[in-house]
Amino acid sequence: MKIKIIGGGSAGNHMAYALSQIKDINKIYISDLSHKILERSKKIYIERYKKKNRKIHYLIENNKEDEKKFDAIIVSTPPFCHKSNINDNLNKSNNFLIEKPICDPTSSSISYFENLNKKFKNKIFLCGYNHRLFPSTLKLKNLIKNDNLKFCRVSFKENISGFLKAHSWLKSINETYLSMTKQGGGALCEHSHALNLLQFFMNDKIRKFKIKNFNFVDNKKNYHDTQFSGILNSNTCIGEFDQNFETLPVEKIVEIFSNKKIYKLTYNFKGSNDCIEIFYFNGNYKKFIFKKKRSDDFLYEAKHFIKIIKQKKNIKSSIELKNSLKTIKIINQFLKKLI
């Protein structure tokens, strides 16, 4: 298989490494509009993984060599570029994986992806909410399957220093889309894993939603939220999500309350390992540890993507386009009230 990754940043390199671990894939192209970014991408890869990879190649986006077709295309660029990236590459593959969020939170971009899904039913479009694919997430989903859930809370609180560490060439987020919520930045979009996971545990059936709390920073050139929380309602459960750019140490937690127990999933509980704890109201306690590395986060996603491509018929994926559209639509409605 031959796969192209659009975008030579940190996430693009993570995906390239993950795909290189899959036997069926023999060529991976990291593409970008800039020679400078591609040179930096090579450097990032070697620094991170300590050696070159023969499967990985680099090419300038939209040149003659890039006119070939690919078995799959991964879009790993800022959200406000996703629409044009897909548009320019739509005829080069039938299989697309797009980094989260699916697009910038504008009505025009959302409409584009809604129409895309309806118009090209023979093509696969997935969105990189990879936490839905973690073994720990799937285990928790199975544990609560037959329980009577009352309340669910998901928190993704991470200081922006983590992003800057992974993107060492940046001095601050003011140099990036992260400082502009309208372009798909801010805590609301960047940490939308929390909102998306809350929807996942509520079976993607949200009836109502409302803003709980938020904080926006306006420094003349940039306007973004550093903290955002909201409440979702289904017919049977109430949910709350909380996302921010402020917390140290990182806090990525799912808490689910039923009639007889509390479930708690902590991502990166110790190192990159995840942990599920169950606290029973009668005093009993259970604990599950999930050993993994940081690179496994993207490996789960890459393996899932290839599995869906091979499946061809009866395709069912928790990260399919319709679910990511539900997330960006809620974000869009929140922002309409504020901006």
Protein backbone atom coordinates (compact mmCIF):
# COMPACT_ATOMS: atom_id res chain seq x y z
CA MET A 1 0.00 0.00 0.00
CA LYS A 2 1.05 3.56 -0.75
CA ILE A 3 -0.08 6.33 1.61
CA LYS A 4 0.34 10.10 1.57
CA ILE A 5 0.39 12.30 4.67
CA ILE A 6 -0.34 15.97 4.03
CA GLY A 7 1.48 18.08 6.61
CA GLY A 8 5.06 17.72 7.83
CA GLY A 9 4.50 18.73 11.45
CA SER A 10 4.67 16.71 14.67
CA ALA A 11 1.40 14.81 14.12
CA GLY A 12 2.38 13.96 10.54
CA ASN A 13 5.59 12.36 11.79
CA HIS A 14 3.71 10.43 14.47
CA MET A 15 1.40 9.00 11.80
CA ALA A 16 4.31 8.21 9.46
CA TYR A 17 6.03 6.19 12.16
CA ALA A 18 2.80 4.36 13.08
CA LEU A 19 2.07 3.45 9.45
CA SER A 20 5.66 2.26 8.94
CA GLN A 21 5.02 -0.43 11.60
CA ILE A 22 2.27 -2.00 9.45
CA LYS A 23 3.51 -4.72 7.06
CA ASP A 24 0.98 -4.03 4.30
CA ILE A 25 2.30 -0.48 3.85
CA ASN A 26 5.47 -0.17 1.78
CA LYS A 27 5.58 3.54 0.88
CA ILE A 28 4.66 6.58 2.97
CA TYR A 29 4.92 10.06 1.50
CA ILE A 30 5.02 13.08 3.82
CA SER A 31 4.04 16.05 1.69
CA ASP A 32 3.97 19.78 2.29
CA LEU A 33 3.93 23.02 0.31
CA SER A 34 7.27 24.05 1.82
CA HIS A 35 10.76 22.58 1.26
CA LYS A 36 11.77 24.11 4.59
CA ILE A 37 9.02 22.25 6.47
CA LEU A 38 9.93 18.97 4.78
CA GLU A 39 13.58 19.37 5.78
CA ARG A 40 12.47 20.10 9.33
CA SER A 41 10.17 17.08 9.21
CA LYS A 42 13.12 14.79 8.37
CA LYS A 43 15.04 16.25 11.31
CA ILE A 44 12.05 15.79 13.70
CA TYR A 45 11.67 12.16 12.66
CA ILE A 46 15.34 11.27 13.25
CA GLU A 47 15.40 13.13 16.58
CA ARG A 48 12.27 11.34 17.72
CA TYR A 49 12.89 7.82 16.42
CA LYS A 50 16.73 7.87 16.23
CA LYS A 51 17.02 6.62 12.63
CA LYS A 52 15.84 7.06 9.06
CA ASN A 53 13.01 4.92 7.74
CA ARG A 54 13.24 3.48 4.24
CA LYS A 55 9.46 3.41 3.87
CA ILE A 56 9.15 7.18 4.34
CA HIS A 57 9.65 9.62 1.47
CA TYR A 58 9.15 13.38 1.18
CA LEU A 59 7.51 15.35 -1.60
CA ILE A 60 6.23 18.82 -2.38
CA GLU A 61 2.45 19.02 -2.41
CA ASN A 62 0.79 19.35 -5.84
CA ASN A 63 3.91 18.71 -7.95
CA LYS A 64 4.00 16.26 -10.89
CA GLU A 65 5.06 13.29 -8.76
CA ASP A 66 2.13 14.06 -6.48
CA GLU A 67 -0.42 13.57 -9.28
CA LYS A 68 -0.36 9.81 -8.76
CA LYS A 69 -3.13 8.01 -6.87
CA PHE A 70 -2.70 6.73 -3.33
CA ASP A 71 -4.32 3.88 -1.41
CA ALA A 72 -5.04 6.38 1.36
CA ILE A 73 -4.44 10.02 2.23
CA ILE A 74 -4.04 11.43 5.73
CA VAL A 75 -4.63 15.15 6.32
CA SER A 76 -2.49 16.37 9.21
CA THR A 77 -2.62 20.14 8.80
CA PRO A 78 -4.32 22.98 10.76
CA PRO A 79 -8.15 22.60 10.78
CA PHE A 80 -8.82 25.66 8.61
CA CYS A 81 -6.78 23.99 5.81
CA HIS A 82 -8.69 20.68 5.85
CA LYS A 83 -11.34 21.77 3.35
CA SER A 84 -8.80 22.84 0.70
CA ASN A 85 -6.55 19.83 1.40
CA ILE A 86 -9.43 17.43 0.73
CA ASN A 87 -10.63 19.41 -2.29
CA ASP A 88 -7.17 19.32 -3.90
CA ASN A 89 -6.74 15.59 -3.28
CA LEU A 90 -10.24 14.22 -3.68
CA ASN A 91 -9.42 12.49 -6.98
CA LYS A 92 -6.18 10.96 -5.68
CA SER A 93 -7.70 8.40 -3.30
CA ASN A 94 -10.91 6.84 -2.02
CA ASN A 95 -9.74 6.69 1.60
CA PHE A 96 -9.14 9.70 3.84
CA LEU A 97 -8.21 10.13 7.50
CA ILE A 98 -8.44 13.74 8.69
CA GLU A 99 -6.85 15.08 11.88
CA LYS A 100 -9.25 16.33 14.56
CA PRO A 101 -11.24 18.52 14.64
CA ILE A 102 -12.66 17.71 11.21
CA CYS A 103 -12.47 21.39 10.19
CA ASP A 104 -12.54 24.94 11.47
CA PRO A 105 -15.81 25.61 13.37
CA THR A 106 -17.46 27.66 10.62
CA SER A 107 -20.82 26.89 9.06
CA SER A 108 -19.37 26.93 5.53
CA SER A 109 -16.68 24.34 6.34
CA ILE A 110 -19.16 22.14 8.20
CA SER A 111 -21.55 22.27 5.22
CA TYR A 112 -18.71 21.27 2.89
CA PHE A 113 -17.97 18.11 4.89
CA GLU A 114 -21.66 17.26 5.28
CA ASN A 115 -22.11 17.44 1.51
CA LEU A 116 -18.88 15.49 0.95
CA ASN A 117 -20.22 12.60 3.00
CA LYS A 118 -23.47 12.54 1.02
CA LYS A 119 -21.94 13.02 -2.43
CA PHE A 120 -19.05 10.52 -2.25
CA LYS A 121 -20.58 7.44 -0.65
CA ASN A 122 -17.95 5.24 -2.29
CA LYS A 123 -15.18 7.05 -0.40
CA ILE A 124 -14.16 6.60 3.23
CA PHE A 125 -13.73 9.66 5.46
CA LEU A 126 -12.53 9.17 9.04
CA CYS A 127 -11.51 11.74 11.64
CA GLY A 128 -8.61 11.34 14.07
CA TYR A 129 -10.39 11.22 17.42
CA ASN A 130 -8.06 8.35 18.26
CA HIS A 131 -8.91 8.16 21.98
CA ARG A 132 -12.08 6.34 20.93
CA LEU A 133 -9.82 3.52 19.70
CA PHE A 134 -7.65 3.06 22.80
CA PRO A 135 -7.94 -0.36 24.52
CA SER A 136 -8.73 1.46 27.79
CA THR A 137 -11.58 3.42 26.18
CA LEU A 138 -13.05 0.32 24.56
CA LYS A 139 -12.79 -1.61 27.82
CA LEU A 140 -14.66 1.13 29.70
CA LYS A 141 -17.29 1.30 26.96
CA ASN A 142 -17.85 -2.44 27.38
CA LEU A 143 -17.93 -2.24 31.20
CA ILE A 144 -20.72 0.36 31.22
CA LYS A 145 -22.73 -1.30 28.42
CA ASN A 146 -25.43 -2.78 30.65
CA ASP A 147 -25.21 -0.28 33.51
CA ASN A 148 -27.72 2.42 34.37
CA LEU A 149 -25.66 5.56 33.79
CA LYS A 150 -26.62 8.81 35.48
CA PHE A 151 -23.73 11.20 34.95
CA CYS A 152 -20.53 11.34 32.90
CA ARG A 153 -17.65 13.83 33.09
CA VAL A 154 -14.67 14.07 30.72
CA SER A 155 -11.72 16.42 31.30
CA PHE A 156 -8.85 17.21 28.94
CA LYS A 157 -6.77 19.79 30.74
CA GLU A 158 -3.30 20.33 29.36
CA ASN A 159 -1.00 23.32 29.53
CA ILE A 160 0.04 24.63 26.13
CA SER A 161 3.68 23.99 27.05
CA GLY A 162 3.16 20.37 25.98
CA PHE A 163 2.28 21.46 22.45
CA LEU A 164 5.25 23.84 22.30
CA LYS A 165 7.61 21.09 23.45
CA ALA A 166 6.45 18.89 20.55
CA HIS A 167 6.82 21.86 18.17
CA SER A 168 10.19 23.16 19.32
CA TRP A 169 10.49 25.60 16.40
CA LEU A 170 7.64 27.68 17.86
CA LYS A 171 8.10 30.33 20.55
CA SER A 172 4.40 30.68 21.39
CA ILE A 173 0.99 29.61 20.15
CA ASN A 174 0.53 33.13 18.76
CA GLU A 175 2.51 31.86 15.75
CA THR A 176 -0.12 29.19 15.07
CA TYR A 177 -3.82 28.59 14.52
CA LEU A 178 -4.08 27.55 18.19
CA SER A 179 -4.32 31.22 19.11
CA MET A 180 -7.43 31.61 16.93
CA THR A 181 -10.51 29.65 17.95
CA LYS A 182 -12.25 30.56 14.67
CA GLN A 183 -9.53 28.70 12.75
CA GLY A 184 -9.92 25.56 14.84
CA GLY A 185 -7.64 26.56 17.71
CA GLY A 186 -8.25 27.31 21.36
CA ALA A 187 -8.91 24.69 24.02
CA LEU A 188 -12.43 24.12 22.67
CA CYS A 189 -11.18 22.72 19.34
CA GLU A 190 -7.66 21.50 20.14
CA HIS A 191 -8.75 19.50 23.18
CA SER A 192 -12.11 18.48 21.69
CA HIS A 193 -11.20 14.87 22.51
CA ALA A 194 -13.09 15.56 25.76
CA LEU A 195 -16.30 16.66 24.04
CA ASN A 196 -15.99 13.88 21.48
CA LEU A 197 -15.40 11.20 24.14
CA LEU A 198 -18.35 12.46 26.16
CA GLN A 199 -20.51 12.00 23.07
CA PHE A 200 -19.01 8.52 22.61
CA PHE A 201 -19.90 7.38 26.13
CA MET A 202 -23.37 8.86 25.67
CA ASN A 203 -23.71 6.77 22.47
CA ASP A 204 -23.47 9.82 20.20
CA LYS A 205 -27.12 10.62 21.00
CA ILE A 206 -27.17 14.18 22.31
CA ARG A 207 -30.53 15.90 22.76
CA LYS A 208 -29.49 19.23 24.30
CA PHE A 209 -26.29 21.07 25.15
CA LYS A 210 -25.31 24.30 26.85
CA ILE A 211 -22.25 26.29 27.88
CA LYS A 212 -21.15 25.99 31.49
CA ASN A 213 -18.03 28.17 31.66
CA PHE A 214 -15.38 29.71 29.39
CA ASN A 215 -12.47 32.12 29.25
CA PHE A 216 -11.31 33.92 26.11
CA VAL A 217 -8.05 35.81 25.62
CA ASP A 218 -7.96 38.75 23.21
CA ASN A 219 -4.50 40.18 22.56
CA LYS A 220 -5.49 42.28 19.52
CA LYS A 221 -3.99 39.93 16.91
CA ASN A 222 -5.40 36.70 18.33
CA TYR A 223 -8.61 35.58 20.01
CA HIS A 224 -8.89 32.15 21.60
CA ASP A 225 -10.40 30.29 24.54
CA THR A 226 -8.01 29.04 27.22
CA GLN A 227 -10.79 27.20 29.06
CA PHE A 228 -14.18 25.86 28.00
CA SER A 229 -16.72 23.60 29.69
CA GLY A 230 -20.21 22.53 28.69
CA ILE A 231 -23.11 20.25 29.58
CA LEU A 232 -24.73 17.68 27.28
CA ASN A 233 -28.02 15.83 27.76
CA SER A 234 -29.23 12.59 26.24
CA ASN A 235 -32.57 11.00 27.10
CA THR A 236 -31.03 9.00 29.94
CA CYS A 237 -27.78 10.69 31.03
CA ILE A 238 -26.26 14.08 31.80
CA GLY A 239 -22.68 14.77 30.70
CA GLU A 240 -20.10 17.46 31.37
CA PHE A 241 -16.83 18.20 29.57
CA ASP A 242 -14.00 20.48 30.62
CA GLN A 243 -11.06 21.50 28.40
CA ASN A 244 -8.25 23.97 29.02
CA PHE A 245 -4.79 25.22 28.01
CA GLU A 246 -3.75 25.87 31.61
CA THR A 247 -3.40 22.73 33.77
CA LEU A 248 -0.12 21.21 34.92
CA PRO A 249 0.30 18.32 35.33
CA VAL A 250 -1.86 17.10 32.45
CA GLU A 251 -5.31 15.81 33.40
CA LYS A 252 -7.14 13.50 30.98
CA ILE A 253 -9.91 11.76 32.87
CA VAL A 254 -13.29 10.10 32.28
CA GLU A 255 -15.63 9.64 35.28
CA ILE A 256 -18.94 7.82 34.94
CA PHE A 257 -21.52 7.47 37.71
CA SER A 258 -24.18 4.76 37.86
CA ASN A 259 -26.57 3.61 40.60
CA LYS A 260 -24.05 1.31 42.29
CA LYS A 261 -20.55 2.40 41.27
CA ILE A 262 -18.21 5.01 39.84
CA TYR A 263 -15.92 4.28 36.89
CA LYS A 264 -12.76 6.33 36.45
CA LEU A 265 -10.50 6.13 33.39
CA THR A 266 -7.22 8.06 33.66
CA TYR A 267 -5.24 8.45 30.45
CA ASN A 268 -1.46 8.59 31.02
CA PHE A 269 -2.01 7.38 34.59
CA LYS A 270 1.65 6.50 34.91
CA GLY A 271 3.85 7.50 32.00
CA SER A 272 1.79 6.68 28.91
CA ASN A 273 -0.10 3.84 30.62
CA ASP A 274 -3.85 4.16 31.13
CA CYS A 275 -5.83 2.99 34.16
CA ILE A 276 -9.49 2.13 34.84
CA GLU A 277 -10.67 2.11 38.46
CA ILE A 278 -14.11 1.00 39.62
CA PHE A 279 -15.33 2.22 43.00
CA TYR A 280 -18.33 0.23 44.25
CA PHE A 281 -20.69 1.87 46.75
CA ASN A 282 -20.44 -1.28 48.92
CA GLY A 283 -16.69 -0.67 49.35
CA ASN A 284 -15.32 -3.01 46.68
CA TYR A 285 -12.68 -1.86 44.22
CA LYS A 286 -11.27 -3.01 40.87
CA LYS A 287 -8.36 -1.74 38.82
CA PHE A 288 -7.22 -2.36 35.22
CA ILE A 289 -3.84 -1.15 33.86
CA PHE A 290 -3.25 -0.71 30.12
CA LYS A 291 0.42 -0.61 29.16
CA LYS A 292 1.29 1.51 26.15
CA LYS A 293 3.76 3.97 24.67
CA ARG A 294 3.04 7.45 23.29
CA SER A 295 3.55 6.13 19.75
CA ASP A 296 0.81 3.52 20.36
CA ASP A 297 -1.80 6.31 20.38
CA PHE A 298 -1.25 6.75 16.65
CA LEU A 299 -0.64 3.06 16.00
CA TYR A 300 -4.19 2.22 17.18
CA GLU A 301 -5.46 4.85 14.74
CA ALA A 302 -3.29 3.67 11.83
CA LYS A 303 -4.25 0.00 12.30
CA HIS A 304 -7.94 0.92 12.54
CA PHE A 305 -7.71 2.99 9.35
CA ILE A 306 -6.09 0.15 7.39
CA LYS A 307 -8.63 -2.34 8.76
CA ILE A 308 -11.52 -0.12 7.59
CA ILE A 309 -9.93 0.27 4.14
CA LYS A 310 -9.58 -3.48 3.76
CA GLN A 311 -13.11 -4.09 4.99
CA LYS A 312 -14.63 -2.23 2.02
CA LYS A 313 -18.18 -3.45 2.76
CA ASN A 314 -20.26 -3.13 5.95
CA ILE A 315 -17.93 -0.39 7.13
CA LYS A 316 -18.59 0.73 10.68
CA SER A 317 -16.21 2.97 12.56
CA SER A 318 -16.59 5.03 15.73
CA ILE A 319 -14.42 7.73 14.12
CA GLU A 320 -16.43 8.00 10.92
CA LEU A 321 -17.21 11.45 9.57
CA LYS A 322 -20.76 11.70 10.87
CA ASN A 323 -19.60 11.44 14.50
CA SER A 324 -16.88 14.08 14.14
CA LEU A 325 -19.42 16.35 12.45
CA LYS A 326 -21.62 16.08 15.55
CA THR A 327 -18.67 17.36 17.61
CA ILE A 328 -17.81 20.33 15.38
CA LYS A 329 -21.51 21.27 15.10
CA ILE A 330 -21.78 21.59 18.88
CA ILE A 331 -18.61 23.70 18.90
CA ASN A 332 -20.05 25.87 16.13
CA GLN A 333 -23.26 26.45 18.10
CA PHE A 334 -21.31 27.35 21.24
CA LEU A 335 -19.24 29.90 19.33
CA LYS A 336 -22.26 31.46 17.65
CA LYS A 337 -23.41 32.50 21.10
CA LEU A 338 -20.06 34.03 22.01
CA ILE A 339 -18.30 35.44 18.93
